[in-house]
Every structure is written in structure tokens, then in C-alpha cells.
N, C-alpha and C. Protein backbone atom coordinates (compact mmCIF):
# COMPACT_ATOMS: atom_id res chain seq x y z
N UNK A 1 -16.72 44.29 25.76
CA UNK A 1 -16.15 43.32 27.24
C UNK A 1 -15.08 44.42 27.82
N UNK A 2 -14.78 44.44 28.91
CA UNK A 2 -13.55 45.12 29.70
C UNK A 2 -12.91 44.25 29.97
N UNK A 3 -11.56 45.24 29.91
CA UNK A 3 -10.14 44.48 30.10
C UNK A 3 -9.91 43.54 31.06
N UNK A 4 -10.50 43.55 32.10
CA UNK A 4 -10.57 42.56 33.07
C UNK A 4 -11.19 41.44 32.63
N UNK A 5 -12.31 41.49 32.15
CA UNK A 5 -13.26 40.42 31.93
C UNK A 5 -12.49 39.59 30.71
N UNK A 6 -11.72 40.40 29.63
CA UNK A 6 -10.51 39.76 28.73
C UNK A 6 -9.74 38.69 29.19
N UNK A 7 -9.22 39.54 30.31
CA UNK A 7 -7.61 38.73 30.80
C UNK A 7 -8.38 37.68 31.45
N UNK A 8 -9.55 37.62 32.14
CA UNK A 8 -9.90 36.65 33.04
C UNK A 8 -10.23 35.32 32.14
N UNK A 9 -11.00 35.63 31.10
CA UNK A 9 -11.26 34.79 29.75
C UNK A 9 -9.98 34.30 29.29
N UNK A 10 -9.04 34.90 29.13
CA UNK A 10 -7.54 34.44 28.71
C UNK A 10 -6.98 33.54 29.49
N UNK A 11 -7.12 33.77 31.06
CA UNK A 11 -6.48 32.85 32.00
C UNK A 11 -7.22 31.79 32.06
N UNK A 12 -8.36 31.56 31.62
CA UNK A 12 -9.23 30.04 31.79
C UNK A 12 -9.08 29.68 30.65
N UNK A 13 -9.06 30.08 29.16
CA UNK A 13 -8.73 29.33 28.54
C UNK A 13 -7.36 28.84 28.42
N UNK A 14 -6.31 29.71 28.54
CA UNK A 14 -5.15 29.08 29.26
C UNK A 14 -5.08 28.09 29.97
N UNK A 15 -5.45 27.89 31.27
CA UNK A 15 -5.61 27.20 32.30
C UNK A 15 -6.51 25.59 31.58
N UNK A 16 -7.38 25.90 30.48
CA UNK A 16 -8.06 24.71 30.39
C UNK A 16 -7.38 24.09 29.35
N UNK A 17 -6.66 25.13 28.59
CA UNK A 17 -5.36 23.98 27.61
C UNK A 17 -3.87 23.39 27.94
N UNK A 18 -3.63 23.84 29.50
CA UNK A 18 -2.91 23.27 29.94
C UNK A 18 -3.39 21.84 30.60
N UNK A 19 -4.65 21.56 30.81
CA UNK A 19 -4.85 20.42 31.39
C UNK A 19 -4.86 19.33 30.62
N UNK A 20 -4.92 19.59 29.38
CA UNK A 20 -4.63 18.72 28.90
C UNK A 20 -3.22 18.41 27.84
N UNK A 21 -3.37 16.79 27.34
CA UNK A 21 -1.76 16.72 26.74
C UNK A 21 -1.99 17.94 25.07
N UNK A 22 -0.67 18.47 24.98
CA UNK A 22 -0.41 19.10 24.02
C UNK A 22 -1.11 18.03 22.60
N UNK A 23 -1.21 18.67 21.82
CA UNK A 23 -1.50 17.92 20.55
C UNK A 23 -0.09 17.99 19.93
N UNK A 24 0.88 18.06 20.05
CA UNK A 24 2.50 18.03 18.97
C UNK A 24 2.88 17.94 20.42
N UNK A 25 3.95 16.95 20.19
CA UNK A 25 4.70 16.59 21.36
C UNK A 25 6.10 15.82 20.96
N UNK A 26 7.08 15.29 21.63
CA UNK A 26 7.81 14.37 21.47
C UNK A 26 7.10 13.23 21.70
N UNK A 27 7.87 12.12 21.08
CA UNK A 27 7.68 10.51 21.04
C UNK A 27 8.18 10.22 22.36
N UNK A 28 7.85 9.43 23.47
CA UNK A 28 8.16 8.64 24.54
C UNK A 28 8.51 7.52 24.21
N UNK A 29 10.26 7.18 24.26
CA UNK A 29 10.64 5.80 24.25
C UNK A 29 11.31 5.22 25.53
N UNK A 30 11.41 3.95 25.49
CA UNK A 30 12.19 2.98 26.06
C UNK A 30 12.88 2.27 25.48
N UNK A 31 14.52 2.11 25.91
CA UNK A 31 14.99 1.14 25.31
C UNK A 31 15.12 0.04 26.15
N UNK A 32 14.86 -1.26 25.56
CA UNK A 32 14.57 -2.26 26.48
C UNK A 32 16.18 -3.27 25.82
N UNK A 33 16.57 -3.71 27.22
CA UNK A 33 17.93 -4.98 26.85
C UNK A 33 18.10 -5.40 25.56
N UNK A 34 19.02 -5.13 24.96
CA UNK A 34 19.00 -6.11 23.25
C UNK A 34 19.41 -7.46 23.72
N UNK A 35 18.64 -8.06 23.18
CA UNK A 35 18.61 -9.66 23.20
C UNK A 35 20.14 -10.39 22.84
N UNK A 36 20.88 -10.98 23.20
CA UNK A 36 22.58 -11.62 23.18
C UNK A 36 22.03 -12.93 22.54
N UNK A 37 22.71 -12.76 21.16
CA UNK A 37 22.69 -13.82 20.26
C UNK A 37 23.52 -14.44 20.27
N UNK A 38 24.56 -13.92 20.68
CA UNK A 38 25.93 -14.59 20.85
C UNK A 38 26.39 -15.60 22.09
N UNK A 39 26.79 -16.79 21.16
CA UNK A 39 27.29 -18.01 22.29
C UNK A 39 28.09 -17.68 23.37
N UNK A 40 29.26 -16.77 23.13
CA UNK A 40 29.87 -16.51 24.24
C UNK A 40 29.61 -15.96 25.42
N UNK A 41 29.87 -16.78 26.42
CA UNK A 41 29.37 -15.94 27.78
C UNK A 41 30.22 -14.89 27.94
N UNK A 42 31.50 -14.81 27.39
CA UNK A 42 32.65 -13.28 27.77
C UNK A 42 31.76 -12.33 27.14
N UNK A 43 31.00 -12.67 26.35
CA UNK A 43 30.56 -11.39 25.44
C UNK A 43 28.94 -10.87 25.99
N UNK A 44 28.76 -11.51 27.11
CA UNK A 44 27.29 -11.27 27.76
C UNK A 44 27.02 -9.99 27.84
N UNK A 45 27.84 -9.05 28.40
CA UNK A 45 28.12 -8.01 29.23
C UNK A 45 27.34 -6.97 27.58
N UNK A 46 27.58 -7.39 26.62
CA UNK A 46 27.24 -6.71 25.35
C UNK A 46 25.59 -6.12 25.22
N UNK A 47 24.67 -7.10 25.61
CA UNK A 47 23.23 -6.91 25.79
C UNK A 47 22.98 -5.70 26.40
N UNK A 48 23.00 -5.70 27.84
CA UNK A 48 22.93 -4.45 28.64
C UNK A 48 23.49 -3.12 28.05
N UNK A 49 24.88 -3.17 27.54
CA UNK A 49 25.51 -1.86 27.29
C UNK A 49 25.17 -1.57 25.99
N UNK A 50 24.57 -2.31 25.23
CA UNK A 50 23.86 -1.57 24.11
C UNK A 50 22.84 -0.94 24.27
N UNK A 51 22.07 -1.14 25.29
CA UNK A 51 20.78 -0.55 25.38
C UNK A 51 21.37 0.76 25.93
N UNK A 52 22.29 0.59 27.12
CA UNK A 52 22.71 1.71 27.77
C UNK A 52 23.24 3.09 26.79
N UNK A 53 24.13 2.66 26.10
CA UNK A 53 24.54 3.13 24.68
C UNK A 53 23.56 4.00 24.14
N UNK A 54 22.65 3.25 23.65
CA UNK A 54 21.59 3.87 22.64
C UNK A 54 20.95 5.08 23.35
N UNK A 55 19.98 4.36 24.85
CA UNK A 55 19.93 5.43 25.78
C UNK A 55 20.34 6.67 25.80
N UNK A 56 21.70 6.61 25.96
CA UNK A 56 22.60 8.15 26.28
C UNK A 56 22.99 8.73 25.31
N UNK A 57 22.63 7.85 24.23
CA UNK A 57 22.70 8.82 22.46
C UNK A 57 21.57 9.43 22.20
N UNK A 58 20.42 8.72 22.32
CA UNK A 58 18.85 9.23 21.90
C UNK A 58 18.60 10.48 22.66
N UNK A 59 18.97 10.74 23.92
CA UNK A 59 18.30 11.99 24.66
C UNK A 59 19.12 13.09 23.49
N UNK A 60 19.81 12.68 23.03
CA UNK A 60 20.58 14.13 22.68
C UNK A 60 19.73 14.47 21.23
N UNK A 61 18.49 14.24 20.88
CA UNK A 61 17.75 14.03 19.72
C UNK A 61 16.73 15.00 19.73
N UNK A 62 16.09 15.67 19.03
CA UNK A 62 15.25 16.38 19.08
C UNK A 62 13.90 15.67 19.07
N UNK A 63 12.64 15.76 19.53
CA UNK A 63 11.54 15.08 19.40
C UNK A 63 11.38 13.52 19.74
N UNK A 64 12.46 13.43 20.79
CA UNK A 64 12.53 11.80 20.99
C UNK A 64 12.54 12.24 22.82
N UNK A 65 11.71 11.82 23.45
CA UNK A 65 12.08 11.72 25.08
C UNK A 65 12.10 10.35 25.45
N UNK A 66 13.21 9.83 26.02
CA UNK A 66 13.65 9.05 26.56
C UNK A 66 13.30 8.55 27.80
N UNK A 67 12.74 7.78 27.97
CA UNK A 67 12.21 6.97 29.60
C UNK A 67 13.03 6.36 30.32
N UNK A 68 13.21 6.69 31.42
CA UNK A 68 14.56 5.60 31.81
C UNK A 68 13.88 4.18 32.48
N UNK A 69 14.41 3.47 32.59
CA UNK A 69 13.79 1.88 33.08
C UNK A 69 13.58 2.57 34.45
N UNK A 70 14.32 3.24 34.98
CA UNK A 70 14.25 3.13 36.51
C UNK A 70 12.93 4.04 37.03
N UNK A 71 12.67 4.74 35.86
CA UNK A 71 11.31 5.48 35.87
C UNK A 71 10.23 4.80 36.26
N UNK A 72 9.95 3.76 35.59
CA UNK A 72 9.00 3.03 35.82
C UNK A 72 9.41 1.25 36.17
N UNK A 73 10.20 1.53 37.27
CA UNK A 73 10.86 0.26 37.61
C UNK A 73 9.94 -0.74 38.26
N UNK A 74 8.56 -0.41 38.87
CA UNK A 74 7.26 -1.20 39.36
C UNK A 74 7.16 -2.04 38.09
N UNK A 75 6.82 -1.67 36.90
CA UNK A 75 6.43 -2.05 35.88
C UNK A 75 7.07 -2.77 35.41
N UNK A 76 8.41 -2.27 35.35
CA UNK A 76 9.37 -2.97 34.05
C UNK A 76 9.90 -4.17 34.61
N UNK A 77 9.83 -4.51 36.11
CA UNK A 77 10.37 -5.98 36.52
C UNK A 77 9.38 -6.94 36.29
N UNK A 78 8.05 -6.74 35.78
CA UNK A 78 7.23 -7.52 36.04
C UNK A 78 7.28 -7.91 34.24
N UNK A 79 7.68 -6.54 33.32
CA UNK A 79 7.78 -7.19 32.19
C UNK A 79 8.65 -7.28 31.48
N UNK A 80 9.75 -7.00 32.35
CA UNK A 80 11.10 -7.30 31.66
C UNK A 80 11.29 -8.55 30.58
N UNK A 81 10.83 -9.82 31.37
CA UNK A 81 10.63 -11.21 30.81
C UNK A 81 9.55 -11.64 29.93
N UNK A 82 8.71 -10.87 29.94
CA UNK A 82 7.41 -11.15 29.02
C UNK A 82 6.79 -10.04 28.16
N UNK A 83 7.14 -10.33 27.01
CA UNK A 83 6.98 -9.19 25.91
C UNK A 83 5.66 -8.89 25.94
N UNK A 84 4.75 -9.90 26.20
CA UNK A 84 3.27 -9.85 26.01
C UNK A 84 2.88 -8.66 27.22
N UNK A 85 3.92 -8.40 28.44
CA UNK A 85 3.19 -7.56 29.08
C UNK A 85 3.90 -5.93 28.69
N UNK A 86 4.56 -5.77 27.72
CA UNK A 86 5.27 -4.55 27.28
C UNK A 86 4.01 -3.65 26.94
N UNK A 87 2.92 -3.96 26.35
CA UNK A 87 1.96 -3.19 26.18
C UNK A 87 1.36 -2.60 27.45
N UNK A 88 1.18 -3.18 28.48
CA UNK A 88 0.44 -2.54 30.16
C UNK A 88 1.60 -1.56 30.66
N UNK A 89 2.85 -2.21 30.16
CA UNK A 89 3.89 -1.43 31.07
C UNK A 89 4.04 0.37 30.11
N UNK A 90 3.90 0.08 28.69
CA UNK A 90 3.69 1.51 28.02
C UNK A 90 2.43 2.05 28.08
N UNK A 91 1.61 1.59 28.20
CA UNK A 91 0.09 2.08 28.61
C UNK A 91 0.42 3.11 29.82
N UNK A 92 0.77 2.32 31.04
CA UNK A 92 1.05 2.53 32.61
C UNK A 92 1.91 3.65 32.63
N UNK A 93 2.98 3.87 31.70
CA UNK A 93 3.87 4.55 31.83
C UNK A 93 3.82 5.82 30.37
N UNK A 94 2.94 5.75 30.06
CA UNK A 94 2.68 6.71 28.82
C UNK A 94 3.52 6.98 27.93
N UNK A 95 4.17 5.51 27.40
CA UNK A 95 5.42 5.50 26.36
C UNK A 95 4.77 5.20 24.97
N UNK A 96 5.24 5.69 24.23
CA UNK A 96 4.71 5.62 22.71
C UNK A 96 5.45 4.34 22.13
N UNK A 97 6.59 4.28 22.26
CA UNK A 97 7.18 2.95 21.35
C UNK A 97 8.94 2.63 22.34
N UNK A 98 8.88 1.23 22.36
CA UNK A 98 9.85 0.39 22.80
C UNK A 98 11.00 0.56 21.53
N UNK A 99 11.90 0.69 22.05
CA UNK A 99 13.27 0.50 21.22
C UNK A 99 13.68 -1.26 21.53
N UNK A 100 13.43 -2.07 20.74
CA UNK A 100 14.08 -3.59 20.77
C UNK A 100 15.02 -4.05 19.74
N UNK A 101 15.95 -4.90 20.34
CA UNK A 101 17.24 -5.19 19.17
C UNK A 101 17.71 -6.38 19.68
N UNK A 102 18.97 -6.67 18.96
CA UNK A 102 19.60 -7.91 19.12
C UNK A 102 21.02 -7.43 18.81
N UNK A 103 22.12 -8.56 18.96
CA UNK A 103 23.26 -8.49 18.56
C UNK A 103 23.43 -10.21 18.27
N UNK A 104 24.07 -10.21 17.29
CA UNK A 104 24.47 -11.37 16.95
C UNK A 104 26.14 -11.38 16.37
N UNK A 105 26.55 -12.87 16.31
CA UNK A 105 27.82 -13.05 15.42
C UNK A 105 27.38 -13.75 14.50
N UNK A 106 27.56 -13.43 13.09
CA UNK A 106 27.58 -13.82 11.99
C UNK A 106 28.94 -14.14 11.32
N UNK A 107 29.25 -15.69 11.17
CA UNK A 107 30.75 -15.81 10.75
C UNK A 107 31.61 -14.58 11.79
N UNK A 108 32.32 -13.72 11.03
CA UNK A 108 33.69 -13.04 11.74
C UNK A 108 32.89 -11.52 12.28
N UNK A 109 31.33 -11.17 11.38
CA UNK A 109 30.62 -10.15 12.22
C UNK A 109 30.02 -9.83 13.43
N UNK A 110 30.22 -8.95 13.96
CA UNK A 110 29.07 -8.74 14.90
C UNK A 110 27.73 -7.96 13.97
N UNK A 111 26.45 -8.32 14.55
CA UNK A 111 25.28 -7.75 13.50
C UNK A 111 24.39 -6.98 14.74
N UNK A 112 24.21 -5.77 14.50
CA UNK A 112 23.46 -5.32 15.58
C UNK A 112 21.93 -4.62 14.73
N UNK A 113 20.96 -4.83 15.46
CA UNK A 113 19.76 -5.01 14.94
C UNK A 113 18.80 -4.35 16.02
N UNK A 114 17.82 -3.16 15.51
CA UNK A 114 17.33 -2.34 16.58
C UNK A 114 15.85 -2.11 15.56
N UNK A 115 14.90 -2.14 16.07
CA UNK A 115 13.63 -1.60 15.56
C UNK A 115 12.64 -1.25 17.14
N UNK A 116 11.84 -0.50 16.17
CA UNK A 116 10.61 0.22 16.91
C UNK A 116 9.45 -0.77 17.10
N UNK A 117 8.88 -0.55 18.61
CA UNK A 117 7.66 -1.19 18.52
C UNK A 117 6.67 -0.41 19.19
N UNK A 118 5.78 -0.40 18.54
CA UNK A 118 4.29 0.64 19.09
C UNK A 118 4.05 -0.41 19.84
N UNK A 119 3.20 1.11 21.36
CA UNK A 119 2.81 0.40 22.36
C UNK A 119 1.38 0.27 21.61
N UNK A 120 0.67 1.30 21.16
CA UNK A 120 -0.28 1.44 20.75
C UNK A 120 -1.02 0.24 19.74
N UNK A 121 0.01 -0.30 18.95
CA UNK A 121 -0.49 -1.61 18.11
C UNK A 121 0.04 -2.46 18.31
N UNK A 122 1.20 -2.93 19.34
CA UNK A 122 1.92 -4.09 19.43
C UNK A 122 3.13 -4.65 18.46
N UNK A 123 2.89 -3.91 17.51
CA UNK A 123 3.47 -4.24 16.19
C UNK A 123 4.99 -3.64 16.16
N UNK A 124 5.74 -4.22 15.35
CA UNK A 124 6.97 -3.50 14.85
C UNK A 124 6.67 -2.11 13.70
N UNK A 125 6.94 -1.18 14.14
CA UNK A 125 6.18 -0.14 13.46
C UNK A 125 6.98 -0.16 12.03
N UNK A 126 6.56 -0.41 10.92
CA UNK A 126 6.86 -0.50 9.65
C UNK A 126 8.00 0.14 9.03
N UNK A 127 9.00 -0.22 8.46
CA UNK A 127 10.40 0.71 8.38
C UNK A 127 11.12 0.81 9.34
N UNK A 128 10.75 0.49 10.29
CA UNK A 128 11.70 1.05 11.20
C UNK A 128 12.99 0.14 11.69
N UNK A 129 13.13 -0.88 11.19
CA UNK A 129 14.08 -1.79 11.80
C UNK A 129 15.41 -1.54 10.69
N UNK A 130 16.34 -1.50 11.57
CA UNK A 130 18.10 -0.99 11.16
C UNK A 130 18.73 -2.30 11.50
N UNK A 131 19.36 -2.52 10.77
CA UNK A 131 20.82 -3.29 11.05
C UNK A 131 21.80 -2.96 10.56
N UNK A 132 23.19 -3.01 11.00
CA UNK A 132 24.28 -2.65 10.51
C UNK A 132 25.09 -3.71 11.60
N UNK A 133 26.38 -3.91 10.85
CA UNK A 133 27.51 -5.24 11.06
C UNK A 133 28.78 -4.33 11.11
N UNK A 134 29.74 -5.13 11.88
CA UNK A 134 30.94 -4.72 12.10
C UNK A 134 32.15 -5.82 12.29
N UNK A 135 33.35 -5.56 12.08
CA UNK A 135 33.83 -6.89 12.12
C UNK A 135 34.74 -7.18 13.47
N UNK A 136 35.04 -5.86 14.09
CA UNK A 136 35.91 -6.37 15.33
C UNK A 136 34.60 -5.33 16.87
N UNK A 137 35.11 -5.93 17.93
CA UNK A 137 34.39 -5.84 18.67
C UNK A 137 34.42 -4.20 19.29
N UNK A 138 35.80 -3.66 19.15
CA UNK A 138 36.23 -2.07 18.92
C UNK A 138 35.17 -1.32 18.12
N UNK A 139 34.93 -1.91 17.11
CA UNK A 139 33.84 -1.07 16.10
C UNK A 139 32.09 -1.01 16.54
N UNK A 140 31.91 -1.71 17.61
CA UNK A 140 30.58 -2.05 18.04
C UNK A 140 30.10 -0.18 18.37
N UNK A 141 30.74 0.44 19.20
CA UNK A 141 30.35 1.57 19.43
C UNK A 141 30.19 2.65 18.18
N UNK A 142 30.95 2.66 17.35
CA UNK A 142 30.47 3.85 16.26
C UNK A 142 29.59 3.05 15.59
N UNK A 143 29.38 1.80 15.26
CA UNK A 143 28.41 1.21 14.78
C UNK A 143 26.88 1.30 15.40
N UNK A 144 26.92 1.11 16.63
CA UNK A 144 26.00 1.51 17.42
C UNK A 144 25.38 3.21 17.24
N UNK A 145 26.30 3.98 17.32
CA UNK A 145 26.09 5.13 16.69
C UNK A 145 24.91 5.35 15.58
N UNK A 146 25.69 4.52 14.75
CA UNK A 146 24.92 4.82 13.53
C UNK A 146 23.50 4.31 13.79
N UNK A 147 23.46 3.12 14.11
CA UNK A 147 21.88 2.59 14.45
C UNK A 147 20.99 3.54 15.16
N UNK A 148 21.46 4.06 16.26
CA UNK A 148 21.01 5.27 17.21
C UNK A 148 20.15 6.29 16.21
N UNK A 149 21.28 7.00 15.32
CA UNK A 149 20.67 7.71 14.03
C UNK A 149 19.48 7.43 13.31
N UNK A 150 19.80 6.35 12.92
CA UNK A 150 18.83 5.96 12.01
C UNK A 150 17.46 5.97 12.92
N UNK A 151 17.57 5.04 14.29
CA UNK A 151 16.06 4.75 14.84
C UNK A 151 15.66 6.43 15.22
N UNK A 152 16.34 7.48 15.85
CA UNK A 152 16.05 8.58 16.08
C UNK A 152 15.38 9.36 14.98
N UNK A 153 16.05 9.24 13.67
CA UNK A 153 15.32 9.90 12.69
C UNK A 153 14.22 9.33 12.24
N UNK A 154 13.90 7.99 12.40
CA UNK A 154 12.40 6.75 12.18
C UNK A 154 11.62 7.99 13.33
N UNK A 155 12.31 7.68 15.01
CA UNK A 155 10.86 8.57 15.89
C UNK A 155 10.45 9.63 15.59
N UNK A 156 11.72 10.68 14.93
CA UNK A 156 11.07 11.83 14.36
C UNK A 156 10.14 11.92 13.35
N UNK A 157 10.37 10.83 12.32
CA UNK A 157 9.53 11.01 11.52
C UNK A 157 7.97 10.71 11.68
N UNK A 158 7.79 9.67 12.80
CA UNK A 158 6.98 9.50 13.26
C UNK A 158 6.00 10.71 14.18
N UNK A 159 7.04 11.41 14.99
CA UNK A 159 6.77 12.39 15.75
C UNK A 159 5.88 13.52 14.61
N UNK A 160 6.60 13.64 13.57
CA UNK A 160 6.33 14.84 12.68
C UNK A 160 4.53 14.20 11.91
N UNK A 161 4.47 13.19 11.66
CA UNK A 161 3.20 12.55 11.60
C UNK A 161 2.10 12.66 12.28
N UNK A 162 2.28 12.50 13.56
CA UNK A 162 1.41 12.64 14.25
C UNK A 162 1.12 14.22 14.40
N UNK A 163 2.12 15.02 14.19
CA UNK A 163 1.91 16.42 14.48
C UNK A 163 1.08 16.60 13.34
N UNK A 164 1.28 16.12 11.87
CA UNK A 164 0.24 16.72 11.22
C UNK A 164 -0.90 16.08 11.13
N UNK A 165 -1.22 15.28 11.44
CA UNK A 165 -2.43 14.43 12.30
C UNK A 165 -3.47 15.28 13.09
N UNK A 166 -2.31 15.89 14.23
CA UNK A 166 -2.68 16.74 15.16
C UNK A 166 -3.44 17.80 15.07
N UNK A 167 -2.95 18.45 13.46
CA UNK A 167 -3.18 19.65 13.14
C UNK A 167 -4.20 19.46 11.98
N UNK A 168 -4.53 18.59 11.66
CA UNK A 168 -5.34 18.20 10.64
C UNK A 168 -4.62 17.88 9.43
N UNK A 169 -3.28 18.12 9.22
CA UNK A 169 -2.66 17.61 7.92
C UNK A 169 -2.80 16.50 7.30
N UNK A 170 -3.07 15.51 7.92
CA UNK A 170 -3.38 13.82 7.46
C UNK A 170 -4.68 13.74 7.43
N UNK A 171 -5.52 12.68 7.14
CA UNK A 171 -6.67 11.98 7.29
C UNK A 171 -6.65 10.98 8.09
N UNK A 172 -5.63 9.82 7.82
CA UNK A 172 -5.93 9.01 8.53
C UNK A 172 -5.01 8.67 9.51
N UNK A 173 -5.31 8.36 10.93
CA UNK A 173 -4.42 8.08 12.39
C UNK A 173 -3.89 7.00 12.27
N UNK A 174 -3.95 5.96 11.02
CA UNK A 174 -3.55 4.75 11.59
C UNK A 174 -2.25 4.81 10.69
N UNK A 175 -1.86 5.75 9.59
CA UNK A 175 -0.56 5.87 8.73
C UNK A 175 0.39 6.36 9.94
N UNK A 176 0.45 7.16 10.97
CA UNK A 176 1.18 7.21 11.97
C UNK A 176 1.72 6.04 12.92
N UNK A 177 0.79 5.28 12.97
CA UNK A 177 1.05 3.68 13.86
C UNK A 177 1.45 4.34 15.13
């Protein structure tokens, strides 16, 4: 084979490979507004604020690709109030997981909870629920950082599972959820 043919063949193979989604890729997530289970209207700002905090922090983690809600505004407005439509939103937006959560006040503590919802299955990913609490409103930000670190680690583990599946390292796709 001549050198020109070899280069042409290599170019065709390269272009063919680029047309498909890579087997190993970051997991795409979107953080939804946190449910506000606090009865105090003066603290209603916490719901969206927590989602913004988590979004801002997750972008700093490897293997986690955060999709801004503004990027999928057309679908998001329809799905925002109807969790049944999240699956459709995820599929159309090529999102792997939604991060959903809540903030509650139990006795004298704020309780933050976050979990990973798989778009593919519509179920909470096993072992992905993270709960942390703090006593003062001033401690919500550092507590949210701890929740975000735990969620990011869970997403990174999921990405590694998919990598092993994509490269033939594991037998069952179901284990990656």
C-alpha cells in the first residue's frame, strides 16, 4: 500500500470515528431546583440558591459535564413542574442524570438531601442519596459543598462503570444504571 493510500485510509477511519459519540465520555447532569420543605416563606430563596450552588461547584469536577437549564429552556419549562416529563427532557437534551434534592428544617437543624436520578431508568441511582445537616443558616453553604463533593464522587464512579462497560471491562450494562 502506498503512503498516500495509508494516509487516506487513516483519515477515513478518523472521520468515521468522529461521527459517533465516544465510548468514554463525561456524564451529563442537570441540577434541578431543590424542593423547599421549610414552612417559612422568608427562606423560600434557599430552593433555587442550593441548585445554583451545586451547579457552580459541580463544573469543577472531572467526569461531570453540567448542563445549564438555560441551554434546554424550551424543554425545561414544560418539565419543571412535571417530574414525569423529566425523562423526555433528559432524552432530548442528551442528559444522563438529574440531580434532585430538598432542604428541610427538622427541629433546630437544616437538612440537605440530594440524589441522582437516572434518565435511562427513571429511578434514583442506588447508593446515590446524600444527606447532611447543619444547625445554622450560615452553615448551609459549607454543608452544600460536602453534599456536592459526595454527589460528584457518585457521578465519577458511574462514569468509570460506563468506561469499563464501553471497553469490555464489565459484563452487564445494568450495573452502571
